[in-house]
């Protein structure tokens, strides 16, 4: 994937760039000179939808310099959710990198479809070490094996290309299904209403007896 970027106009503040639909970029990495760049908002947004943070992007700087990089960080405006800043990190194609690859659920869990269970996604991505050329966009997790509430899928169960070294704990749970919640109805003791009525009648009878006793004393 290629992305046309330009050297940042140092006469413009970040707020002015964003107002012009331009995103400020910082490029950095071991053994390279930091660069302040900028990119068209919609151009980056469309590319990022495809690449995410785990696909190599070739930065075409001012139409004269090409740099292999990964998206390191994307900053969003908390109020509008619009992108306000992007960091790219330098990538050397012959050196292994550490990154995270998203997990994508595929298939249908029988414990959900047939037993009305609730799917619990414990891990959304895994950490890997690999050469840049071996990166994949996502890793599929087939949930057809989740037949009941006692089965689960762990990291060691994932089907991962041999070119990737997974750094997560192999026993870490990725996804499971839990039983649906059942709301307990309040239990009314058998004969409870009758006992309450009987108690109320006895209380009224005692009150009448006391009233009679009081009137006799007055006479």
N, C-alpha and C. Protein backbone atom coordinates (compact mmCIF):
# COMPACT_ATOMS: atom_id res chain seq x y z
N UNK A 1 0.85 -1.19 0.00
CA UNK A 1 0.00 0.00 0.00
C UNK A 1 0.89 1.23 0.00
N UNK A 2 0.55 2.17 -0.87
CA UNK A 2 1.33 3.40 -1.01
C UNK A 2 0.50 4.59 -0.55
N UNK A 3 1.18 5.54 0.10
CA UNK A 3 0.49 6.73 0.60
C UNK A 3 1.31 7.97 0.26
N UNK A 4 0.70 8.89 -0.47
CA UNK A 4 1.37 10.15 -0.81
C UNK A 4 1.30 11.11 0.37
N UNK A 5 2.47 11.51 0.87
CA UNK A 5 2.54 12.46 1.97
C UNK A 5 3.47 13.60 1.58
N UNK A 6 3.37 14.70 2.31
CA UNK A 6 4.19 15.87 2.01
C UNK A 6 4.93 16.31 3.27
N UNK A 7 6.06 16.96 3.08
CA UNK A 7 6.76 17.58 4.21
C UNK A 7 5.83 18.61 4.83
N UNK A 8 5.81 18.66 6.14
CA UNK A 8 4.85 19.52 6.82
C UNK A 8 5.19 20.99 6.65
N UNK A 9 4.16 21.77 6.40
CA UNK A 9 4.30 23.22 6.31
C UNK A 9 4.46 23.77 7.72
N UNK A 10 5.68 24.14 8.06
CA UNK A 10 5.98 24.58 9.43
C UNK A 10 5.37 25.94 9.76
N UNK A 11 4.85 26.63 8.75
CA UNK A 11 4.20 27.92 9.00
C UNK A 11 2.75 27.75 9.47
N UNK A 12 2.27 26.50 9.40
CA UNK A 12 0.88 26.24 9.80
C UNK A 12 0.85 25.42 11.08
N UNK A 13 -0.01 25.84 12.01
CA UNK A 13 -0.19 25.10 13.24
C UNK A 13 -1.06 23.87 12.97
N UNK A 14 -1.00 22.90 13.89
CA UNK A 14 -1.77 21.66 13.72
C UNK A 14 -3.26 21.97 13.58
N UNK A 15 -3.74 22.93 14.35
CA UNK A 15 -5.16 23.29 14.28
C UNK A 15 -5.54 23.81 12.90
N UNK A 16 -4.63 24.56 12.27
CA UNK A 16 -4.90 25.10 10.94
C UNK A 16 -4.87 23.99 9.89
N UNK A 17 -3.96 23.04 10.06
CA UNK A 17 -3.90 21.91 9.13
C UNK A 17 -5.20 21.09 9.18
N UNK A 18 -5.65 20.81 10.40
CA UNK A 18 -6.87 20.02 10.56
C UNK A 18 -8.07 20.74 9.98
N UNK A 19 -8.11 22.06 10.12
CA UNK A 19 -9.21 22.85 9.55
C UNK A 19 -9.22 22.75 8.03
N UNK A 20 -8.03 22.48 7.45
CA UNK A 20 -7.92 22.34 5.99
C UNK A 20 -7.99 20.87 5.56
N UNK A 21 -8.47 20.00 6.46
CA UNK A 21 -8.59 18.56 6.19
C UNK A 21 -7.24 17.92 5.88
N UNK A 22 -6.23 18.33 6.65
CA UNK A 22 -4.89 17.77 6.52
C UNK A 22 -4.46 17.24 7.90
N UNK A 23 -3.92 16.04 7.94
CA UNK A 23 -3.52 15.41 9.20
C UNK A 23 -2.00 15.56 9.40
N UNK A 24 -1.57 16.06 10.55
CA UNK A 24 -0.14 16.10 10.85
C UNK A 24 0.39 14.68 11.08
N UNK A 25 1.60 14.41 10.61
CA UNK A 25 2.24 13.10 10.76
C UNK A 25 3.63 13.28 11.35
N UNK A 26 4.00 12.35 12.24
CA UNK A 26 5.39 12.26 12.69
C UNK A 26 5.93 10.89 12.28
N UNK A 27 7.10 10.89 11.62
CA UNK A 27 7.77 9.66 11.22
C UNK A 27 9.07 9.55 12.00
N UNK A 28 9.32 8.37 12.58
CA UNK A 28 10.53 8.18 13.36
C UNK A 28 10.90 6.70 13.39
N UNK A 29 12.04 6.40 13.98
CA UNK A 29 12.49 5.02 14.08
C UNK A 29 13.97 4.95 14.36
N UNK A 30 14.43 3.75 14.72
CA UNK A 30 15.84 3.56 15.04
C UNK A 30 16.71 3.75 13.80
N UNK A 31 17.67 4.61 13.91
CA UNK A 31 18.62 4.79 12.82
C UNK A 31 18.15 5.68 11.69
N UNK A 32 17.02 6.38 11.87
CA UNK A 32 16.54 7.28 10.82
C UNK A 32 16.27 8.65 11.42
N UNK A 33 16.23 9.63 10.56
CA UNK A 33 15.94 11.00 10.99
C UNK A 33 14.43 11.21 11.10
N UNK A 34 14.01 11.81 12.19
CA UNK A 34 12.59 12.11 12.36
C UNK A 34 12.13 13.08 11.27
N UNK A 35 10.89 12.87 10.82
CA UNK A 35 10.34 13.75 9.79
C UNK A 35 8.95 14.21 10.22
N UNK A 36 8.67 15.49 10.04
CA UNK A 36 7.32 16.03 10.25
C UNK A 36 6.65 16.12 8.89
N UNK A 37 5.55 15.36 8.74
CA UNK A 37 4.88 15.25 7.45
C UNK A 37 3.41 15.61 7.61
N UNK A 38 2.70 15.57 6.50
CA UNK A 38 1.26 15.81 6.51
C UNK A 38 0.62 15.00 5.39
N UNK A 39 -0.69 14.74 5.54
CA UNK A 39 -1.39 13.93 4.54
C UNK A 39 -2.84 14.38 4.45
N UNK A 40 -3.41 14.22 3.28
CA UNK A 40 -4.84 14.53 3.10
C UNK A 40 -5.68 13.62 3.98
N UNK A 41 -6.66 14.21 4.66
CA UNK A 41 -7.46 13.48 5.65
C UNK A 41 -8.15 12.26 5.04
N UNK A 42 -8.92 12.45 3.97
CA UNK A 42 -9.69 11.35 3.38
C UNK A 42 -8.78 10.28 2.78
N UNK A 43 -7.64 10.71 2.23
CA UNK A 43 -6.72 9.74 1.64
C UNK A 43 -6.19 8.79 2.71
N UNK A 44 -5.80 9.34 3.85
CA UNK A 44 -5.31 8.48 4.93
C UNK A 44 -6.43 7.63 5.51
N UNK A 45 -7.59 8.21 5.72
CA UNK A 45 -8.71 7.47 6.33
C UNK A 45 -9.05 6.23 5.51
N UNK A 46 -9.11 6.38 4.20
CA UNK A 46 -9.44 5.25 3.33
C UNK A 46 -8.36 4.17 3.39
N UNK A 47 -7.10 4.60 3.40
CA UNK A 47 -6.01 3.63 3.46
C UNK A 47 -6.00 2.90 4.81
N UNK A 48 -6.23 3.63 5.90
CA UNK A 48 -6.15 3.04 7.23
C UNK A 48 -7.24 2.00 7.46
N UNK A 49 -8.37 2.17 6.80
CA UNK A 49 -9.43 1.17 6.89
C UNK A 49 -8.95 -0.19 6.40
N UNK A 50 -8.05 -0.18 5.45
CA UNK A 50 -7.53 -1.42 4.86
C UNK A 50 -6.31 -1.93 5.63
N UNK A 51 -5.38 -1.04 5.92
CA UNK A 51 -4.10 -1.48 6.50
C UNK A 51 -4.14 -1.69 8.00
N UNK A 52 -4.89 -0.86 8.72
CA UNK A 52 -4.82 -0.89 10.17
C UNK A 52 -3.40 -0.58 10.61
N UNK A 53 -2.97 -1.22 11.69
CA UNK A 53 -1.63 -0.96 12.22
C UNK A 53 -0.66 -2.09 11.93
N UNK A 54 -1.05 -3.05 11.08
CA UNK A 54 -0.17 -4.20 10.89
C UNK A 54 0.07 -4.53 9.41
N UNK A 55 0.01 -3.53 8.56
CA UNK A 55 0.39 -3.71 7.16
C UNK A 55 1.40 -2.64 6.78
N UNK A 56 2.40 -3.05 6.01
CA UNK A 56 3.44 -2.11 5.59
C UNK A 56 2.84 -1.07 4.65
N UNK A 57 3.18 0.19 4.90
CA UNK A 57 2.75 1.29 4.04
C UNK A 57 4.01 1.94 3.46
N UNK A 58 4.01 2.14 2.16
CA UNK A 58 5.12 2.83 1.51
C UNK A 58 4.78 4.32 1.45
N UNK A 59 5.50 5.10 2.24
CA UNK A 59 5.27 6.54 2.25
C UNK A 59 6.01 7.17 1.07
N UNK A 60 5.26 7.83 0.22
CA UNK A 60 5.84 8.54 -0.92
C UNK A 60 5.96 10.01 -0.54
N UNK A 61 7.16 10.39 -0.05
CA UNK A 61 7.36 11.72 0.51
C UNK A 61 7.72 12.72 -0.59
N UNK A 62 6.84 13.69 -0.78
CA UNK A 62 7.05 14.76 -1.76
C UNK A 62 7.32 14.22 -3.17
N UNK A 63 6.89 13.01 -3.43
CA UNK A 63 7.06 12.43 -4.76
C UNK A 63 8.49 12.06 -5.10
N UNK A 64 9.41 12.12 -4.12
CA UNK A 64 10.81 11.87 -4.43
C UNK A 64 11.48 10.85 -3.52
N UNK A 65 10.88 10.55 -2.36
CA UNK A 65 11.49 9.61 -1.41
C UNK A 65 10.46 8.59 -0.96
N UNK A 66 10.84 7.31 -0.99
CA UNK A 66 9.92 6.24 -0.59
C UNK A 66 10.44 5.58 0.68
N UNK A 67 9.55 5.46 1.67
CA UNK A 67 9.92 4.92 2.98
C UNK A 67 8.92 3.84 3.39
N UNK A 68 9.43 2.67 3.82
CA UNK A 68 8.56 1.63 4.36
C UNK A 68 8.27 1.92 5.82
N UNK A 69 6.99 1.90 6.19
CA UNK A 69 6.61 2.27 7.56
C UNK A 69 5.35 1.52 7.99
N UNK A 70 5.14 1.53 9.30
CA UNK A 70 3.91 1.01 9.90
C UNK A 70 3.23 2.14 10.67
N UNK A 71 1.90 2.12 10.68
CA UNK A 71 1.18 3.06 11.53
C UNK A 71 1.42 2.66 12.98
N UNK A 72 2.01 3.55 13.74
CA UNK A 72 2.33 3.27 15.14
C UNK A 72 1.23 3.72 16.07
N UNK A 73 0.61 4.86 15.76
CA UNK A 73 -0.42 5.40 16.65
C UNK A 73 -1.31 6.35 15.88
N UNK A 74 -2.60 6.30 16.18
CA UNK A 74 -3.56 7.22 15.59
C UNK A 74 -4.30 7.91 16.72
N UNK A 75 -4.27 9.25 16.73
CA UNK A 75 -4.92 10.02 17.79
C UNK A 75 -6.25 10.57 17.28
N UNK A 76 -7.30 10.44 18.11
CA UNK A 76 -8.63 10.88 17.73
C UNK A 76 -9.11 12.01 18.64
N UNK A 77 -9.93 12.87 18.08
CA UNK A 77 -10.59 13.90 18.87
C UNK A 77 -11.69 13.23 19.70
N UNK A 78 -11.65 13.31 21.04
CA UNK A 78 -12.64 12.60 21.86
C UNK A 78 -14.06 13.09 21.66
N UNK A 79 -14.23 14.30 21.18
CA UNK A 79 -15.58 14.85 21.00
C UNK A 79 -16.16 14.47 19.64
N UNK A 80 -15.33 14.52 18.59
CA UNK A 80 -15.84 14.29 17.22
C UNK A 80 -15.42 12.95 16.64
N UNK A 81 -14.46 12.28 17.30
CA UNK A 81 -13.91 11.00 16.83
C UNK A 81 -13.17 11.14 15.49
N UNK A 82 -12.80 12.34 15.13
CA UNK A 82 -12.03 12.56 13.91
C UNK A 82 -10.54 12.39 14.22
N UNK A 83 -9.76 12.01 13.21
CA UNK A 83 -8.32 11.80 13.39
C UNK A 83 -7.62 13.15 13.49
N UNK A 84 -6.74 13.28 14.49
CA UNK A 84 -6.04 14.55 14.68
C UNK A 84 -4.53 14.43 14.52
N UNK A 85 -4.01 13.20 14.58
CA UNK A 85 -2.55 13.03 14.47
C UNK A 85 -2.24 11.56 14.19
N UNK A 86 -1.14 11.33 13.44
CA UNK A 86 -0.72 9.96 13.14
C UNK A 86 0.79 9.85 13.31
N UNK A 87 1.21 8.75 13.93
CA UNK A 87 2.63 8.42 14.03
C UNK A 87 2.94 7.23 13.13
N UNK A 88 4.01 7.33 12.34
CA UNK A 88 4.52 6.21 11.55
C UNK A 88 5.90 5.84 12.08
N UNK A 89 6.18 4.54 12.12
CA UNK A 89 7.49 4.07 12.55
C UNK A 89 8.20 3.42 11.39
N UNK A 90 9.50 3.66 11.30
CA UNK A 90 10.30 3.12 10.20
C UNK A 90 10.38 1.60 10.26
N UNK A 91 10.37 0.97 9.10
CA UNK A 91 10.46 -0.49 9.01
C UNK A 91 11.63 -0.86 8.10
N UNK A 92 12.49 -1.73 8.62
CA UNK A 92 13.56 -2.29 7.80
C UNK A 92 13.14 -3.70 7.41
N UNK A 93 13.00 -3.95 6.12
CA UNK A 93 12.40 -5.18 5.63
C UNK A 93 13.17 -6.43 6.05
N UNK A 94 14.46 -6.30 6.37
CA UNK A 94 15.25 -7.47 6.75
C UNK A 94 15.29 -7.72 8.24
N UNK A 95 14.63 -6.89 9.03
CA UNK A 95 14.64 -7.02 10.49
C UNK A 95 13.25 -7.38 11.01
N UNK A 96 13.22 -8.32 11.97
CA UNK A 96 11.95 -8.73 12.57
C UNK A 96 11.34 -7.59 13.37
N UNK A 97 10.04 -7.55 13.39
CA UNK A 97 9.31 -6.52 14.14
C UNK A 97 8.32 -7.17 15.10
N UNK A 98 7.95 -6.42 16.13
CA UNK A 98 6.89 -6.84 17.06
C UNK A 98 5.66 -6.01 16.72
N UNK A 99 4.53 -6.68 16.58
CA UNK A 99 3.29 -5.95 16.31
C UNK A 99 2.11 -6.79 16.78
N UNK A 100 0.90 -6.26 16.60
CA UNK A 100 -0.32 -6.96 17.00
C UNK A 100 -1.19 -7.20 15.77
N UNK A 101 -1.76 -8.40 15.70
CA UNK A 101 -2.62 -8.76 14.58
C UNK A 101 -4.03 -9.03 15.10
N UNK A 102 -5.05 -8.37 14.56
CA UNK A 102 -6.43 -8.57 15.02
C UNK A 102 -6.92 -9.99 14.75
N UNK A 103 -7.80 -10.47 15.63
CA UNK A 103 -8.45 -11.76 15.47
C UNK A 103 -9.86 -11.56 14.92
N UNK A 104 -10.22 -12.36 13.93
CA UNK A 104 -11.54 -12.24 13.30
C UNK A 104 -12.31 -13.54 13.51
N UNK A 105 -13.47 -13.45 14.18
CA UNK A 105 -14.29 -14.64 14.43
C UNK A 105 -15.04 -15.04 13.17
N UNK A 106 -15.00 -16.35 12.85
CA UNK A 106 -15.75 -16.88 11.71
C UNK A 106 -16.49 -18.13 12.16
N UNK A 107 -17.55 -18.47 11.44
CA UNK A 107 -18.33 -19.65 11.77
C UNK A 107 -19.46 -19.34 12.73
N UNK A 108 -20.11 -20.42 13.22
CA UNK A 108 -21.24 -20.29 14.14
C UNK A 108 -21.01 -21.21 15.33
N UNK A 109 -21.14 -20.67 16.52
CA UNK A 109 -20.96 -21.47 17.74
C UNK A 109 -22.28 -22.17 18.08
N UNK A 110 -22.33 -23.52 18.08
CA UNK A 110 -23.56 -24.23 18.44
C UNK A 110 -24.07 -23.86 19.83
N UNK A 111 -23.15 -23.55 20.75
CA UNK A 111 -23.58 -23.19 22.10
C UNK A 111 -24.36 -21.88 22.12
N UNK A 112 -24.16 -21.05 21.11
CA UNK A 112 -24.92 -19.81 20.98
C UNK A 112 -26.22 -20.05 20.24
N UNK A 113 -26.12 -20.73 19.10
CA UNK A 113 -27.29 -20.93 18.24
C UNK A 113 -28.31 -21.88 18.86
N UNK A 114 -27.83 -22.95 19.47
CA UNK A 114 -28.75 -23.99 19.95
C UNK A 114 -29.03 -23.91 21.45
N UNK A 115 -28.09 -23.36 22.21
CA UNK A 115 -28.26 -23.31 23.66
C UNK A 115 -28.49 -21.89 24.19
N UNK A 116 -28.57 -20.94 23.27
CA UNK A 116 -28.83 -19.54 23.62
C UNK A 116 -27.75 -18.95 24.54
N UNK A 117 -26.52 -19.44 24.39
CA UNK A 117 -25.42 -18.94 25.20
C UNK A 117 -24.96 -17.56 24.74
N UNK A 118 -24.08 -16.97 25.53
CA UNK A 118 -23.55 -15.64 25.24
C UNK A 118 -22.07 -15.77 24.89
N UNK A 119 -21.69 -15.29 23.69
CA UNK A 119 -20.31 -15.37 23.23
C UNK A 119 -19.45 -14.36 23.98
N UNK A 120 -18.35 -14.82 24.55
CA UNK A 120 -17.44 -13.96 25.29
C UNK A 120 -16.10 -13.90 24.57
N UNK A 121 -15.77 -12.71 24.03
CA UNK A 121 -14.54 -12.52 23.25
C UNK A 121 -13.49 -11.94 24.20
N UNK A 122 -12.58 -12.78 24.69
CA UNK A 122 -11.61 -12.34 25.70
C UNK A 122 -10.39 -11.68 25.09
N UNK A 123 -10.04 -12.04 23.87
CA UNK A 123 -8.81 -11.55 23.23
C UNK A 123 -9.14 -11.09 21.82
N UNK A 124 -8.87 -9.82 21.53
CA UNK A 124 -9.19 -9.25 20.22
C UNK A 124 -8.02 -9.26 19.26
N UNK A 125 -6.80 -9.45 19.77
CA UNK A 125 -5.62 -9.46 18.92
C UNK A 125 -4.52 -10.25 19.61
N UNK A 126 -3.52 -10.67 18.82
CA UNK A 126 -2.38 -11.37 19.40
C UNK A 126 -1.11 -10.62 19.04
N UNK A 127 -0.11 -10.77 19.89
CA UNK A 127 1.17 -10.13 19.66
C UNK A 127 2.09 -11.10 18.94
N UNK A 128 2.75 -10.64 17.89
CA UNK A 128 3.59 -11.52 17.10
C UNK A 128 4.94 -10.87 16.82
N UNK A 129 5.89 -11.72 16.42
CA UNK A 129 7.20 -11.27 15.95
C UNK A 129 7.42 -11.92 14.59
N UNK A 130 7.79 -11.10 13.60
CA UNK A 130 7.98 -11.63 12.25
C UNK A 130 8.71 -10.62 11.39
N UNK A 131 9.10 -11.06 10.20
CA UNK A 131 9.63 -10.13 9.22
C UNK A 131 8.48 -9.32 8.63
N UNK A 132 8.71 -8.08 8.27
CA UNK A 132 7.64 -7.25 7.71
C UNK A 132 6.90 -7.88 6.54
N UNK A 133 7.61 -8.60 5.68
CA UNK A 133 6.98 -9.20 4.50
C UNK A 133 6.01 -10.31 4.86
N UNK A 134 6.10 -10.85 6.09
CA UNK A 134 5.25 -11.96 6.51
C UNK A 134 4.01 -11.51 7.28
N UNK A 135 3.81 -10.22 7.44
CA UNK A 135 2.63 -9.73 8.15
C UNK A 135 1.35 -10.11 7.43
N UNK A 136 0.33 -10.43 8.21
CA UNK A 136 -1.00 -10.69 7.66
C UNK A 136 -1.97 -9.70 8.30
N UNK A 137 -3.06 -9.42 7.60
CA UNK A 137 -3.99 -8.38 8.08
C UNK A 137 -4.79 -8.85 9.29
N UNK A 138 -5.29 -10.10 9.24
CA UNK A 138 -6.05 -10.66 10.36
C UNK A 138 -5.77 -12.16 10.47
N UNK A 139 -6.13 -12.72 11.61
CA UNK A 139 -6.07 -14.17 11.80
C UNK A 139 -7.48 -14.63 12.16
N UNK A 140 -7.98 -15.59 11.40
CA UNK A 140 -9.35 -16.08 11.60
C UNK A 140 -9.41 -17.06 12.78
N UNK A 141 -10.50 -16.96 13.53
CA UNK A 141 -10.77 -17.86 14.66
C UNK A 141 -12.10 -18.55 14.39
N UNK A 142 -12.05 -19.84 14.07
CA UNK A 142 -13.27 -20.59 13.76
C UNK A 142 -13.94 -21.02 15.06
N UNK A 143 -15.18 -20.55 15.28
CA UNK A 143 -15.86 -20.83 16.55
C UNK A 143 -16.86 -21.99 16.45
N UNK A 144 -16.78 -22.76 15.36
CA UNK A 144 -17.67 -23.92 15.20
C UNK A 144 -17.48 -24.95 16.30
N UNK A 145 -16.30 -24.94 16.94
CA UNK A 145 -16.00 -25.95 17.95
C UNK A 145 -16.62 -25.66 19.31
N UNK A 146 -17.22 -24.49 19.47
CA UNK A 146 -17.82 -24.12 20.76
C UNK A 146 -19.22 -24.73 20.86
N UNK A 147 -19.25 -26.02 21.25
CA UNK A 147 -20.51 -26.78 21.23
C UNK A 147 -21.28 -26.68 22.55
N UNK A 148 -20.60 -26.32 23.64
CA UNK A 148 -21.29 -26.19 24.92
C UNK A 148 -20.57 -25.14 25.78
N UNK A 149 -20.98 -25.05 27.05
CA UNK A 149 -20.44 -24.01 27.93
C UNK A 149 -19.12 -24.43 28.59
N UNK A 150 -18.64 -25.62 28.27
CA UNK A 150 -17.38 -26.10 28.84
C UNK A 150 -16.25 -26.12 27.82
N UNK A 151 -16.52 -25.67 26.61
CA UNK A 151 -15.47 -25.63 25.58
C UNK A 151 -15.03 -24.18 25.34
N UNK A 152 -13.78 -24.04 24.94
CA UNK A 152 -13.24 -22.71 24.68
C UNK A 152 -12.08 -22.84 23.71
N UNK A 153 -11.68 -21.69 23.15
CA UNK A 153 -10.56 -21.65 22.22
C UNK A 153 -9.44 -20.86 22.86
N UNK A 154 -8.25 -21.45 22.89
CA UNK A 154 -7.09 -20.80 23.48
C UNK A 154 -6.12 -20.36 22.38
N UNK A 155 -5.13 -19.59 22.77
CA UNK A 155 -4.15 -19.09 21.80
C UNK A 155 -3.49 -20.25 21.06
N UNK A 156 -3.18 -21.32 21.77
CA UNK A 156 -2.51 -22.45 21.13
C UNK A 156 -3.38 -23.18 20.12
N UNK A 157 -4.69 -22.90 20.13
CA UNK A 157 -5.60 -23.53 19.17
C UNK A 157 -5.70 -22.75 17.87
N UNK A 158 -5.15 -21.54 17.82
CA UNK A 158 -5.26 -20.72 16.62
C UNK A 158 -4.42 -21.28 15.48
N UNK A 159 -4.92 -21.12 14.28
CA UNK A 159 -4.18 -21.52 13.08
C UNK A 159 -3.41 -20.30 12.60
N UNK A 160 -2.11 -20.31 12.85
CA UNK A 160 -1.25 -19.16 12.58
C UNK A 160 -0.16 -19.56 11.58
N UNK A 161 0.13 -18.72 10.57
CA UNK A 161 1.21 -19.03 9.63
C UNK A 161 2.52 -19.32 10.36
N UNK A 162 3.29 -20.27 9.84
CA UNK A 162 4.54 -20.66 10.48
C UNK A 162 5.57 -19.54 10.50
N UNK A 163 5.36 -18.53 9.67
CA UNK A 163 6.31 -17.40 9.62
C UNK A 163 6.09 -16.40 10.75
N UNK A 164 5.04 -16.61 11.55
CA UNK A 164 4.75 -15.72 12.67
C UNK A 164 5.10 -16.41 13.98
N UNK A 165 5.78 -15.72 14.85
CA UNK A 165 6.05 -16.21 16.20
C UNK A 165 5.08 -15.52 17.15
N UNK A 166 4.17 -16.31 17.73
CA UNK A 166 3.17 -15.75 18.64
C UNK A 166 3.79 -15.56 20.02
N UNK A 167 3.63 -14.38 20.59
CA UNK A 167 4.26 -14.04 21.86
C UNK A 167 3.30 -14.14 23.06
N UNK A 168 2.02 -14.37 22.80
CA UNK A 168 1.06 -14.53 23.90
C UNK A 168 1.25 -15.87 24.61
N UNK A 169 0.72 -15.95 25.83
CA UNK A 169 0.69 -17.21 26.57
C UNK A 169 -0.18 -18.21 25.80
N UNK A 170 0.34 -19.39 25.47
CA UNK A 170 -0.45 -20.38 24.70
C UNK A 170 -1.76 -20.77 25.37
N UNK A 171 -1.82 -20.67 26.71
CA UNK A 171 -3.02 -21.09 27.44
C UNK A 171 -4.05 -19.96 27.56
N UNK A 172 -3.72 -18.78 27.09
CA UNK A 172 -4.64 -17.64 27.20
C UNK A 172 -5.91 -17.91 26.40
N UNK A 173 -7.06 -17.66 27.02
CA UNK A 173 -8.36 -17.93 26.38
C UNK A 173 -8.69 -16.81 25.41
N UNK A 174 -9.10 -17.21 24.22
CA UNK A 174 -9.48 -16.26 23.17
C UNK A 174 -10.98 -16.01 23.19
N UNK A 175 -11.75 -17.08 23.17
CA UNK A 175 -13.20 -16.93 23.11
C UNK A 175 -13.86 -18.14 23.75
N UNK A 176 -15.00 -17.91 24.38
CA UNK A 176 -15.77 -18.98 24.99
C UNK A 176 -17.25 -18.58 24.97
N UNK A 177 -18.11 -19.48 25.43
CA UNK A 177 -19.55 -19.20 25.49
C UNK A 177 -20.02 -19.48 26.91
N UNK A 178 -20.77 -18.56 27.48
CA UNK A 178 -21.30 -18.75 28.83
C UNK A 178 -22.82 -18.92 28.76
N UNK A 179 -23.35 -19.58 29.77
CA UNK A 179 -24.79 -19.85 29.82
C UNK A 179 -25.57 -18.56 29.96
N UNK A 180 -26.78 -18.51 29.40
CA UNK A 180 -27.60 -17.29 29.52
C UNK A 180 -28.02 -17.05 30.96
N UNK A 181 -28.17 -15.80 31.31
CA UNK A 181 -28.59 -15.46 32.66
C UNK A 181 -30.08 -15.75 32.84
N UNK A 182 -30.41 -16.34 33.98
CA UNK A 182 -31.80 -16.65 34.28
C UNK A 182 -32.19 -15.86 35.52
N UNK A 183 -33.19 -14.99 35.39
CA UNK A 183 -33.64 -14.19 36.52
C UNK A 183 -34.54 -15.03 37.42
N UNK A 184 -34.20 -15.07 38.70
CA UNK A 184 -35.00 -15.85 39.64
C UNK A 184 -36.23 -15.05 40.07
N UNK A 185 -37.41 -15.75 40.04
CA UNK A 185 -38.64 -15.11 40.47
C UNK A 185 -38.75 -15.23 41.99
N UNK A 186 -39.28 -14.20 42.64
CA UNK A 186 -39.43 -14.27 44.11
C UNK A 186 -40.34 -15.42 44.51
N UNK A 187 -39.89 -16.19 45.52
CA UNK A 187 -40.65 -17.37 45.96
C UNK A 187 -41.58 -16.97 47.10
N UNK A 188 -42.87 -17.26 46.92
CA UNK A 188 -43.87 -16.98 47.96
C UNK A 188 -44.16 -18.27 48.68
N UNK A 189 -44.01 -18.27 50.01
CA UNK A 189 -44.26 -19.48 50.79
C UNK A 189 -45.70 -19.91 50.64
N UNK A 190 -45.89 -21.23 50.51
CA UNK A 190 -47.24 -21.76 50.31
C UNK A 190 -48.11 -21.43 51.52
N UNK A 191 -49.28 -20.90 51.23
CA UNK A 191 -50.18 -20.54 52.31
C UNK A 191 -49.81 -19.22 52.97
N UNK A 192 -48.89 -18.51 52.36
CA UNK A 192 -48.41 -17.27 52.97
C UNK A 192 -49.51 -16.23 53.09
N UNK A 193 -50.33 -16.09 52.05
CA UNK A 193 -51.41 -15.10 52.06
C UNK A 193 -52.43 -15.42 53.14
N UNK A 194 -52.76 -16.71 53.29
CA UNK A 194 -53.76 -17.11 54.28
C UNK A 194 -53.25 -16.84 55.69
N UNK A 195 -51.95 -17.13 55.89
CA UNK A 195 -51.38 -16.90 57.22
C UNK A 195 -51.39 -15.43 57.56
N UNK A 196 -51.10 -14.60 56.56
CA UNK A 196 -51.10 -13.15 56.80
C UNK A 196 -52.50 -12.67 57.16
N UNK A 197 -53.51 -13.20 56.44
CA UNK A 197 -54.90 -12.80 56.72
C UNK A 197 -55.32 -13.23 58.12
N UNK A 198 -54.90 -14.46 58.49
CA UNK A 198 -55.25 -14.97 59.81
C UNK A 198 -54.62 -14.12 60.92
N UNK A 199 -53.34 -13.74 60.68
CA UNK A 199 -52.67 -12.91 61.67
C UNK A 199 -53.34 -11.55 61.83
N UNK A 200 -53.81 -11.00 60.70
CA UNK A 200 -54.48 -9.70 60.75
C UNK A 200 -55.79 -9.80 61.51
N UNK A 201 -56.52 -10.90 61.32
CA UNK A 201 -57.80 -11.08 62.02
C UNK A 201 -57.58 -11.19 63.52
N UNK A 202 -56.53 -11.94 63.91
CA UNK A 202 -56.25 -12.09 65.33
C UNK A 202 -55.89 -10.75 65.96
N UNK A 203 -55.13 -9.94 65.21
CA UNK A 203 -54.74 -8.64 65.73
C UNK A 203 -55.96 -7.74 65.95
N UNK A 204 -56.93 -7.77 65.02
CA UNK A 204 -58.14 -6.97 65.17
C UNK A 204 -58.96 -7.45 66.36
N UNK A 205 -59.02 -8.76 66.57
CA UNK A 205 -59.79 -9.30 67.67
C UNK A 205 -59.20 -8.85 69.01
N UNK A 206 -57.88 -8.84 69.09
CA UNK A 206 -57.23 -8.41 70.32
C UNK A 206 -57.52 -6.93 70.59
N UNK A 207 -57.53 -6.11 69.51
CA UNK A 207 -57.81 -4.69 69.69
C UNK A 207 -59.22 -4.48 70.23
N UNK A 208 -60.21 -5.26 69.73
CA UNK A 208 -61.60 -5.13 70.20
C UNK A 208 -61.71 -5.53 71.66
N UNK A 209 -60.99 -6.59 72.02
CA UNK A 209 -61.04 -7.06 73.41
C UNK A 209 -60.49 -5.99 74.34
N UNK A 210 -59.45 -5.34 73.94
CA UNK A 210 -58.86 -4.28 74.76
C UNK A 210 -59.81 -3.11 74.90
N UNK A 211 -60.53 -2.77 73.79
CA UNK A 211 -61.49 -1.67 73.85
C UNK A 211 -62.61 -1.97 74.84
N UNK A 212 -63.12 -3.22 74.87
CA UNK A 212 -64.18 -3.61 75.79
C UNK A 212 -63.70 -3.52 77.23
N UNK A 213 -62.48 -3.97 77.41
CA UNK A 213 -61.92 -3.94 78.77
C UNK A 213 -61.82 -2.50 79.25
N UNK A 214 -61.42 -1.61 78.41
CA UNK A 214 -61.28 -0.21 78.77
C UNK A 214 -62.64 0.39 79.13
N UNK A 215 -63.69 0.06 78.35
CA UNK A 215 -65.01 0.61 78.60
C UNK A 215 -65.57 0.08 79.92
N UNK A 216 -65.27 -1.20 80.28
CA UNK A 216 -65.73 -1.78 81.55
C UNK A 216 -65.10 -1.08 82.73
N UNK A 217 -63.87 -0.73 82.62
CA UNK A 217 -63.19 -0.03 83.72
C UNK A 217 -63.81 1.34 83.96
N UNK A 218 -64.24 1.99 82.88
CA UNK A 218 -64.80 3.30 83.03
C UNK A 218 -66.13 3.24 83.73
N UNK A 219 -66.93 2.18 83.47
CA UNK A 219 -68.24 2.05 84.13
C UNK A 219 -68.06 1.81 85.62
